[in-house]
N, C-alpha and C. Protein backbone atom coordinates (compact mmCIF):
# COMPACT_ATOMS: atom_id res chain seq x y z
N MET A 1 0.83 -1.18 0.00
CA MET A 1 0.00 0.00 0.00
C MET A 1 0.87 1.25 0.00
N GLU A 2 0.53 2.15 -0.88
CA GLU A 2 1.26 3.42 -0.96
C GLU A 2 0.83 4.33 0.19
N ARG A 3 1.80 5.00 0.80
CA ARG A 3 1.55 5.92 1.91
C ARG A 3 1.98 7.32 1.49
N ILE A 4 1.30 8.32 2.05
CA ILE A 4 1.68 9.70 1.80
C ILE A 4 2.00 10.38 3.13
N GLN A 5 2.87 11.37 3.05
CA GLN A 5 3.21 12.17 4.23
C GLN A 5 2.20 13.31 4.34
N LEU A 6 1.50 13.37 5.45
CA LEU A 6 0.54 14.45 5.66
C LEU A 6 1.27 15.70 6.13
N LEU A 7 0.62 16.84 5.95
CA LEU A 7 1.18 18.12 6.37
C LEU A 7 0.34 18.71 7.48
N HIS A 8 0.96 19.54 8.30
CA HIS A 8 0.25 20.25 9.37
C HIS A 8 0.29 21.73 9.03
N PRO A 9 -0.82 22.47 9.18
CA PRO A 9 -0.85 23.88 8.80
C PRO A 9 0.17 24.75 9.54
N GLU A 10 0.61 24.31 10.72
CA GLU A 10 1.59 25.08 11.49
C GLU A 10 2.99 24.50 11.37
N GLY A 11 3.18 23.57 10.43
CA GLY A 11 4.49 23.00 10.20
C GLY A 11 4.92 21.95 11.21
N LYS A 12 4.03 21.54 12.08
CA LYS A 12 4.35 20.52 13.08
C LYS A 12 4.46 19.15 12.42
N LYS A 13 5.03 18.21 13.16
CA LYS A 13 5.19 16.86 12.64
C LYS A 13 3.82 16.22 12.41
N ALA A 14 3.67 15.56 11.28
CA ALA A 14 2.41 14.90 10.93
C ALA A 14 2.68 13.45 10.55
N PRO A 15 1.68 12.60 10.70
CA PRO A 15 1.87 11.18 10.37
C PRO A 15 1.78 10.92 8.87
N THR A 16 2.06 9.68 8.50
CA THR A 16 1.81 9.22 7.14
C THR A 16 0.48 8.48 7.16
N MET A 17 -0.11 8.32 5.97
CA MET A 17 -1.40 7.63 5.87
C MET A 17 -1.44 6.89 4.53
N GLU A 18 -2.16 5.78 4.51
CA GLU A 18 -2.35 5.06 3.25
C GLU A 18 -3.09 5.98 2.29
N LEU A 19 -2.62 6.05 1.05
CA LEU A 19 -3.20 6.92 0.05
C LEU A 19 -4.67 6.59 -0.20
N ALA A 20 -5.01 5.32 -0.24
CA ALA A 20 -6.40 4.91 -0.49
C ALA A 20 -7.32 5.41 0.63
N LYS A 21 -6.87 5.31 1.88
CA LYS A 21 -7.65 5.78 3.02
C LYS A 21 -7.80 7.31 2.95
N TYR A 22 -6.72 8.00 2.62
CA TYR A 22 -6.75 9.45 2.49
C TYR A 22 -7.75 9.88 1.43
N ASP A 23 -7.67 9.26 0.26
CA ASP A 23 -8.57 9.62 -0.85
C ASP A 23 -10.03 9.33 -0.51
N THR A 24 -10.29 8.24 0.18
CA THR A 24 -11.66 7.90 0.59
C THR A 24 -12.23 8.97 1.52
N LEU A 25 -11.45 9.36 2.52
CA LEU A 25 -11.91 10.36 3.48
C LEU A 25 -12.05 11.74 2.82
N LYS A 26 -11.12 12.08 1.95
CA LYS A 26 -11.18 13.37 1.25
C LYS A 26 -12.44 13.46 0.39
N THR A 27 -12.73 12.40 -0.33
CA THR A 27 -13.93 12.37 -1.18
C THR A 27 -15.20 12.52 -0.35
N SER A 28 -15.30 11.78 0.74
CA SER A 28 -16.48 11.88 1.60
C SER A 28 -16.59 13.26 2.25
N LEU A 29 -15.49 13.78 2.72
CA LEU A 29 -15.48 15.10 3.36
C LEU A 29 -15.96 16.17 2.40
N PHE A 30 -15.41 16.18 1.19
CA PHE A 30 -15.81 17.19 0.21
C PHE A 30 -17.28 17.03 -0.19
N ALA A 31 -17.75 15.79 -0.30
CA ALA A 31 -19.16 15.57 -0.63
C ALA A 31 -20.06 16.14 0.47
N CYS A 32 -19.68 15.93 1.72
CA CYS A 32 -20.47 16.44 2.85
C CYS A 32 -20.44 17.96 2.89
N LEU A 33 -19.28 18.56 2.65
CA LEU A 33 -19.18 20.02 2.70
C LEU A 33 -19.87 20.69 1.51
N LYS A 34 -19.92 20.02 0.38
CA LYS A 34 -20.65 20.58 -0.77
C LYS A 34 -22.15 20.63 -0.47
N THR A 35 -22.63 19.66 0.31
CA THR A 35 -24.04 19.62 0.68
C THR A 35 -24.35 20.60 1.80
N LYS A 36 -23.53 20.56 2.84
CA LYS A 36 -23.80 21.32 4.06
C LYS A 36 -23.21 22.73 4.03
N LYS A 37 -22.18 22.96 3.26
CA LYS A 37 -21.46 24.24 3.13
C LYS A 37 -20.56 24.54 4.33
N VAL A 38 -21.09 24.53 5.55
CA VAL A 38 -20.31 24.84 6.75
C VAL A 38 -20.71 23.85 7.84
N ALA A 39 -19.71 23.32 8.56
CA ALA A 39 -20.01 22.37 9.64
C ALA A 39 -18.86 22.34 10.63
N ASN A 40 -19.18 21.94 11.86
CA ASN A 40 -18.11 21.77 12.84
C ASN A 40 -17.57 20.33 12.71
N PHE A 41 -16.51 20.05 13.47
CA PHE A 41 -15.84 18.76 13.34
C PHE A 41 -16.77 17.59 13.66
N GLN A 42 -17.52 17.68 14.75
CA GLN A 42 -18.39 16.57 15.14
C GLN A 42 -19.46 16.30 14.08
N GLU A 43 -20.01 17.36 13.49
CA GLU A 43 -20.99 17.19 12.41
C GLU A 43 -20.35 16.51 11.22
N LEU A 44 -19.12 16.89 10.90
CA LEU A 44 -18.43 16.29 9.75
C LEU A 44 -18.11 14.82 10.00
N VAL A 45 -17.71 14.48 11.21
CA VAL A 45 -17.45 13.07 11.52
C VAL A 45 -18.72 12.25 11.30
N ALA A 46 -19.84 12.74 11.82
CA ALA A 46 -21.12 12.03 11.66
C ALA A 46 -21.52 11.94 10.18
N ASP A 47 -21.37 13.04 9.45
CA ASP A 47 -21.74 13.05 8.03
C ASP A 47 -20.85 12.14 7.19
N VAL A 48 -19.55 12.15 7.47
CA VAL A 48 -18.63 11.28 6.73
C VAL A 48 -18.93 9.82 7.05
N ASP A 49 -19.22 9.52 8.29
CA ASP A 49 -19.58 8.14 8.68
C ASP A 49 -20.81 7.68 7.91
N ILE A 50 -21.82 8.52 7.83
CA ILE A 50 -23.05 8.20 7.08
C ILE A 50 -22.74 8.03 5.60
N ASP A 51 -21.90 8.91 5.05
CA ASP A 51 -21.53 8.82 3.64
C ASP A 51 -20.80 7.51 3.34
N LEU A 52 -19.87 7.14 4.21
CA LEU A 52 -19.14 5.88 4.01
C LEU A 52 -20.08 4.68 4.08
N LEU A 53 -21.00 4.70 5.04
CA LEU A 53 -21.97 3.61 5.15
C LEU A 53 -22.87 3.53 3.92
N SER A 54 -23.30 4.69 3.42
CA SER A 54 -24.19 4.70 2.25
C SER A 54 -23.47 4.19 1.00
N ARG A 55 -22.15 4.37 0.96
CA ARG A 55 -21.37 3.88 -0.18
C ARG A 55 -20.80 2.49 0.09
N LYS A 56 -21.24 1.90 1.23
CA LYS A 56 -20.84 0.54 1.61
C LYS A 56 -19.31 0.39 1.72
N ILE A 57 -18.68 1.42 2.28
CA ILE A 57 -17.24 1.39 2.50
C ILE A 57 -16.99 1.11 3.98
N LYS A 58 -16.31 0.00 4.24
CA LYS A 58 -15.96 -0.35 5.62
C LYS A 58 -14.64 0.32 5.93
N PHE A 59 -14.68 1.26 6.86
CA PHE A 59 -13.49 2.04 7.22
C PHE A 59 -12.69 1.32 8.29
N GLN A 60 -11.41 1.16 8.07
CA GLN A 60 -10.51 0.53 9.03
C GLN A 60 -9.80 1.60 9.84
N GLY A 61 -9.87 1.53 11.15
CA GLY A 61 -9.18 2.49 12.01
C GLY A 61 -10.17 3.44 12.66
N LYS A 62 -9.63 4.37 13.41
CA LYS A 62 -10.43 5.35 14.15
C LYS A 62 -10.80 6.49 13.20
N LEU A 63 -12.07 6.60 12.84
CA LEU A 63 -12.53 7.59 11.88
C LEU A 63 -12.17 9.01 12.32
N GLU A 64 -12.43 9.35 13.58
CA GLU A 64 -12.20 10.72 14.05
C GLU A 64 -10.74 11.12 13.89
N TRP A 65 -9.82 10.25 14.30
CA TRP A 65 -8.40 10.55 14.24
C TRP A 65 -7.96 10.73 12.79
N ASN A 66 -8.34 9.78 11.93
CA ASN A 66 -7.94 9.85 10.52
C ASN A 66 -8.52 11.06 9.82
N LEU A 67 -9.80 11.35 10.07
CA LEU A 67 -10.44 12.51 9.44
C LEU A 67 -9.79 13.80 9.92
N PHE A 68 -9.46 13.88 11.20
CA PHE A 68 -8.79 15.05 11.76
C PHE A 68 -7.50 15.35 11.00
N TRP A 69 -6.69 14.33 10.77
CA TRP A 69 -5.42 14.53 10.07
C TRP A 69 -5.62 14.84 8.59
N VAL A 70 -6.60 14.24 7.96
CA VAL A 70 -6.90 14.58 6.57
C VAL A 70 -7.30 16.06 6.49
N MET A 71 -8.11 16.50 7.44
CA MET A 71 -8.56 17.89 7.44
C MET A 71 -7.40 18.86 7.68
N LEU A 72 -6.48 18.51 8.58
CA LEU A 72 -5.30 19.36 8.79
C LEU A 72 -4.46 19.43 7.52
N ASP A 73 -4.28 18.29 6.86
CA ASP A 73 -3.51 18.25 5.62
C ASP A 73 -4.17 19.12 4.55
N LEU A 74 -5.47 19.00 4.40
CA LEU A 74 -6.19 19.80 3.40
C LEU A 74 -6.14 21.28 3.74
N GLU A 75 -6.20 21.59 5.02
CA GLU A 75 -6.09 22.99 5.44
C GLU A 75 -4.70 23.54 5.09
N SER A 76 -3.67 22.75 5.30
CA SER A 76 -2.31 23.20 5.00
C SER A 76 -2.12 23.40 3.49
N LYS A 77 -2.88 22.68 2.68
CA LYS A 77 -2.82 22.82 1.22
C LYS A 77 -3.83 23.84 0.70
N GLN A 78 -4.53 24.49 1.63
CA GLN A 78 -5.54 25.51 1.33
C GLN A 78 -6.70 24.96 0.49
N GLU A 79 -7.03 23.68 0.73
CA GLU A 79 -8.18 23.05 0.08
C GLU A 79 -9.37 22.99 1.04
N LEU A 80 -9.14 23.40 2.28
CA LEU A 80 -10.17 23.41 3.32
C LEU A 80 -9.94 24.65 4.17
N TYR A 81 -11.04 25.31 4.54
CA TYR A 81 -10.94 26.51 5.37
C TYR A 81 -11.47 26.20 6.77
N ARG A 82 -10.71 26.61 7.79
CA ARG A 82 -11.13 26.44 9.19
C ARG A 82 -11.29 27.82 9.80
N ASP A 83 -12.51 28.12 10.24
CA ASP A 83 -12.80 29.40 10.88
C ASP A 83 -12.57 29.25 12.38
N LYS A 84 -11.46 29.80 12.87
CA LYS A 84 -11.10 29.69 14.28
C LYS A 84 -11.77 30.76 15.13
N ASN A 85 -12.49 31.69 14.51
CA ASN A 85 -13.10 32.80 15.23
C ASN A 85 -14.46 32.47 15.83
N VAL A 86 -14.97 31.27 15.57
CA VAL A 86 -16.24 30.85 16.14
C VAL A 86 -16.01 29.59 16.97
N SER A 87 -16.93 29.34 17.90
CA SER A 87 -16.81 28.14 18.72
C SER A 87 -18.12 27.37 18.66
N PRO A 88 -18.08 26.11 18.30
CA PRO A 88 -16.90 25.36 17.87
C PRO A 88 -16.44 25.81 16.48
N MET A 89 -15.15 25.51 16.17
CA MET A 89 -14.60 25.91 14.88
C MET A 89 -15.44 25.34 13.74
N GLN A 90 -15.56 26.13 12.70
CA GLN A 90 -16.37 25.73 11.55
C GLN A 90 -15.45 25.48 10.35
N TYR A 91 -15.80 24.48 9.56
CA TYR A 91 -15.02 24.12 8.38
C TYR A 91 -15.88 24.34 7.14
N SER A 92 -15.22 24.77 6.06
CA SER A 92 -15.90 24.95 4.78
C SER A 92 -14.87 24.82 3.68
N LEU A 93 -15.38 24.73 2.45
CA LEU A 93 -14.48 24.74 1.30
C LEU A 93 -14.10 26.19 1.01
N PRO A 94 -12.86 26.43 0.59
CA PRO A 94 -12.48 27.80 0.26
C PRO A 94 -13.35 28.33 -0.88
N LYS A 95 -13.46 29.62 -0.96
CA LYS A 95 -14.31 30.26 -1.98
C LYS A 95 -13.92 29.85 -3.40
N LYS A 96 -12.62 29.73 -3.67
CA LYS A 96 -12.15 29.41 -5.02
C LYS A 96 -11.68 27.97 -5.12
N SER A 97 -12.35 27.07 -4.40
CA SER A 97 -11.93 25.66 -4.38
C SER A 97 -12.26 24.97 -5.70
N LYS A 98 -11.34 24.08 -6.12
CA LYS A 98 -11.58 23.26 -7.32
C LYS A 98 -12.17 21.92 -6.95
N ALA A 99 -12.38 21.69 -5.67
CA ALA A 99 -12.89 20.40 -5.19
C ALA A 99 -14.33 20.19 -5.54
């Protein structure tokens, strides 16, 4: 299995992840955000879980942990926007996203 090095928006050390797992979570996350537009982390975890179940994808590992790191990686690549000025933090796709 091919692995990729994830990035952290603040340059901190980040783990590696299987590319297939990363792509699966990224696809589900973007599908959920295209529908909902803005959501907090807990809402996204629930929505991604529902999306994976509806697509009959059995996810291996801790969904919350893996999704958290995918979201940090996407934020560092400016493919995901995190609004830190509200509580709880809200996530959305950037205005000029190609996703």
